[in-house]
Amino acid sequence: MTTTPELPALDVVAADHAHEQRAVTSADMLTGVLAAATLDVLGQPTKLPTVLWPDVPEEVVTAIYEHGLRVGYRAGRIVSAPTWEPEALDRLRTALADAGYQAMARRVAVTASHGRHRADTEQDIARGDHE
């Protein structure tokens, strides 16, 4: 008589995490494909901002694009800081929510809820700064 081996208990949390990471990885890959295809169609990076707003004067598009670059630079500085500042992020989340920017506020809330940046926690553990 053949017996079927007992299957391990389903680890829903691990499966959920694995599927979520697979979706994020797929989204990242597709985002890169779309970015490459957009540039391939336009031919040069300087045309990227103008395709978003074809009816807006070029100097306005340039000003918007340059503002976005400054925001991106600031975001990079925030992410590279040794610790996230949940209180500061919460203050910004509240300001966004109060101004009606609910979707942006939700995204900032997710970031603030994580507290410390993962890399910072790993550095603390590497230094022995854990209980």
Protein backbone atom coordinates (compact mmCIF):
# COMPACT_ATOMS: atom_id res chain seq x y z
CA MET A 1 0.00 0.00 0.00
CA THR A 2 1.34 3.39 -1.00
CA THR A 3 0.97 6.27 1.42
CA THR A 4 0.95 9.90 0.49
CA PRO A 5 3.56 11.90 2.36
CA GLU A 6 2.14 14.45 4.74
CA LEU A 7 2.38 17.96 3.35
CA PRO A 8 3.80 20.70 5.56
CA ALA A 9 1.34 23.15 7.04
CA LEU A 10 0.54 26.06 4.76
CA ASP A 11 2.52 29.14 5.76
CA VAL A 12 0.13 31.82 4.59
CA VAL A 13 2.38 34.69 5.68
CA ALA A 14 5.36 33.32 3.75
CA ALA A 15 3.24 32.59 0.67
CA ASP A 16 1.67 36.05 0.82
CA HIS A 17 5.09 37.67 1.07
CA ALA A 18 6.49 35.58 -1.79
CA HIS A 19 3.56 36.43 -4.08
CA GLU A 20 3.75 40.11 -3.15
CA GLN A 21 7.47 40.21 -3.89
CA ARG A 22 6.92 38.43 -7.20
CA ALA A 23 4.30 41.05 -8.14
CA VAL A 24 6.63 43.90 -7.15
CA THR A 25 9.50 42.39 -9.13
CA SER A 26 7.24 41.93 -12.16
CA ALA A 27 5.99 45.51 -11.86
CA ASP A 28 9.56 46.79 -11.64
CA MET A 29 10.53 44.79 -14.71
CA LEU A 30 7.53 46.05 -16.69
CA THR A 31 8.22 49.62 -15.60
CA GLY A 32 11.74 49.32 -17.00
CA VAL A 33 10.43 47.88 -20.27
CA LEU A 34 7.94 50.75 -20.60
CA ALA A 35 10.63 53.33 -19.84
CA ALA A 36 12.97 51.82 -22.43
CA ALA A 37 10.20 51.57 -25.03
CA THR A 38 9.16 55.18 -24.42
CA LEU A 39 12.70 56.41 -24.98
CA ASP A 40 13.09 54.16 -28.01
CA VAL A 41 9.97 55.65 -29.58
CA LEU A 42 10.91 59.27 -28.77
CA GLY A 43 14.56 58.92 -29.72
CA GLN A 44 16.08 61.19 -27.07
CA PRO A 45 15.58 61.84 -23.35
CA THR A 46 14.96 65.57 -23.80
CA LYS A 47 11.63 64.71 -25.46
CA LEU A 48 10.34 62.74 -22.47
CA PRO A 49 8.75 65.66 -20.57
CA THR A 50 7.19 67.19 -23.66
CA VAL A 51 5.29 64.00 -24.54
CA LEU A 52 3.39 64.25 -21.25
CA TRP A 53 2.21 67.79 -21.96
CA PRO A 54 2.23 68.35 -25.74
CA ASP A 55 -0.03 71.44 -25.54
CA VAL A 56 1.98 73.21 -22.83
CA PRO A 57 4.69 75.72 -23.78
CA GLU A 58 8.17 74.19 -23.73
CA GLU A 59 9.49 76.56 -21.04
CA VAL A 60 6.66 75.52 -18.69
CA VAL A 61 7.36 71.83 -19.33
CA THR A 62 11.04 72.44 -18.65
CA ALA A 63 10.26 74.19 -15.35
CA ILE A 64 8.02 71.28 -14.29
CA TYR A 65 10.64 68.73 -15.28
CA GLU A 66 13.40 70.56 -13.40
CA HIS A 67 11.17 70.77 -10.32
CA GLY A 68 10.69 66.99 -10.54
CA LEU A 69 14.43 66.51 -10.65
CA ARG A 70 14.82 68.55 -7.46
CA VAL A 71 12.11 66.48 -5.78
CA GLY A 72 13.83 63.27 -6.87
CA TYR A 73 17.13 64.50 -5.48
CA ARG A 74 15.49 65.36 -2.15
CA ALA A 75 13.80 61.94 -2.05
CA GLY A 76 17.18 60.30 -2.58
CA ARG A 77 18.57 62.25 0.37
CA ILE A 78 15.67 61.17 2.58
CA VAL A 79 16.12 57.51 1.65
CA SER A 80 19.88 57.58 2.14
CA ALA A 81 19.61 59.08 5.63
CA PRO A 82 20.73 56.68 8.36
CA THR A 83 17.24 56.68 9.87
CA TRP A 84 13.81 57.64 8.67
CA GLU A 85 12.16 60.32 10.70
CA PRO A 86 8.65 58.97 11.31
CA GLU A 87 7.55 62.15 13.08
CA ALA A 88 8.60 64.36 10.17
CA LEU A 89 6.98 61.99 7.68
CA ASP A 90 3.80 61.98 9.77
CA ARG A 91 3.76 65.79 9.77
CA LEU A 92 4.07 65.78 5.98
CA ARG A 93 1.38 63.08 5.72
CA THR A 94 -1.00 65.19 7.80
CA ALA A 95 -0.32 68.25 5.65
CA LEU A 96 -1.02 66.27 2.48
CA ALA A 97 -4.22 64.77 3.91
CA ASP A 98 -5.45 68.14 5.18
CA ALA A 99 -4.89 69.61 1.72
CA GLY A 100 -6.93 66.82 0.12
CA TYR A 101 -4.05 64.74 -1.27
CA GLN A 102 -5.35 61.49 0.21
CA ALA A 103 -3.50 59.04 -2.05
CA MET A 104 -0.16 60.75 -1.44
CA ALA A 105 -0.89 60.89 2.29
CA ARG A 106 -1.56 57.13 2.36
CA ARG A 107 1.79 56.45 0.66
CA VAL A 108 3.66 58.62 3.16
CA ALA A 109 1.79 56.89 6.03
CA VAL A 110 3.03 53.52 4.82
CA THR A 111 6.61 54.80 4.80
CA ALA A 112 6.25 56.41 8.23
CA SER A 113 4.71 53.27 9.71
CA HIS A 114 7.87 51.33 8.95
CA GLY A 115 9.82 53.53 11.36
CA ARG A 116 13.46 52.89 10.77
CA HIS A 117 14.91 52.19 7.38
CA ARG A 118 15.64 48.45 6.96
CA ALA A 119 19.31 49.07 6.11
CA ASP A 120 19.71 51.07 9.30
CA THR A 121 18.29 48.22 11.38
CA GLU A 122 20.66 45.78 9.69
CA GLN A 123 23.60 48.09 10.45
CA ASP A 124 22.54 48.25 14.11
CA ILE A 125 22.43 44.46 14.28
CA ALA A 126 25.84 44.21 12.58
CA ARG A 127 27.27 46.59 15.21
CA GLY A 128 25.69 44.52 17.99
CA ASP A 129 23.14 47.22 18.88
CA HIS A 130 20.34 44.79 19.58
CA GLU A 131 18.88 43.11 22.63
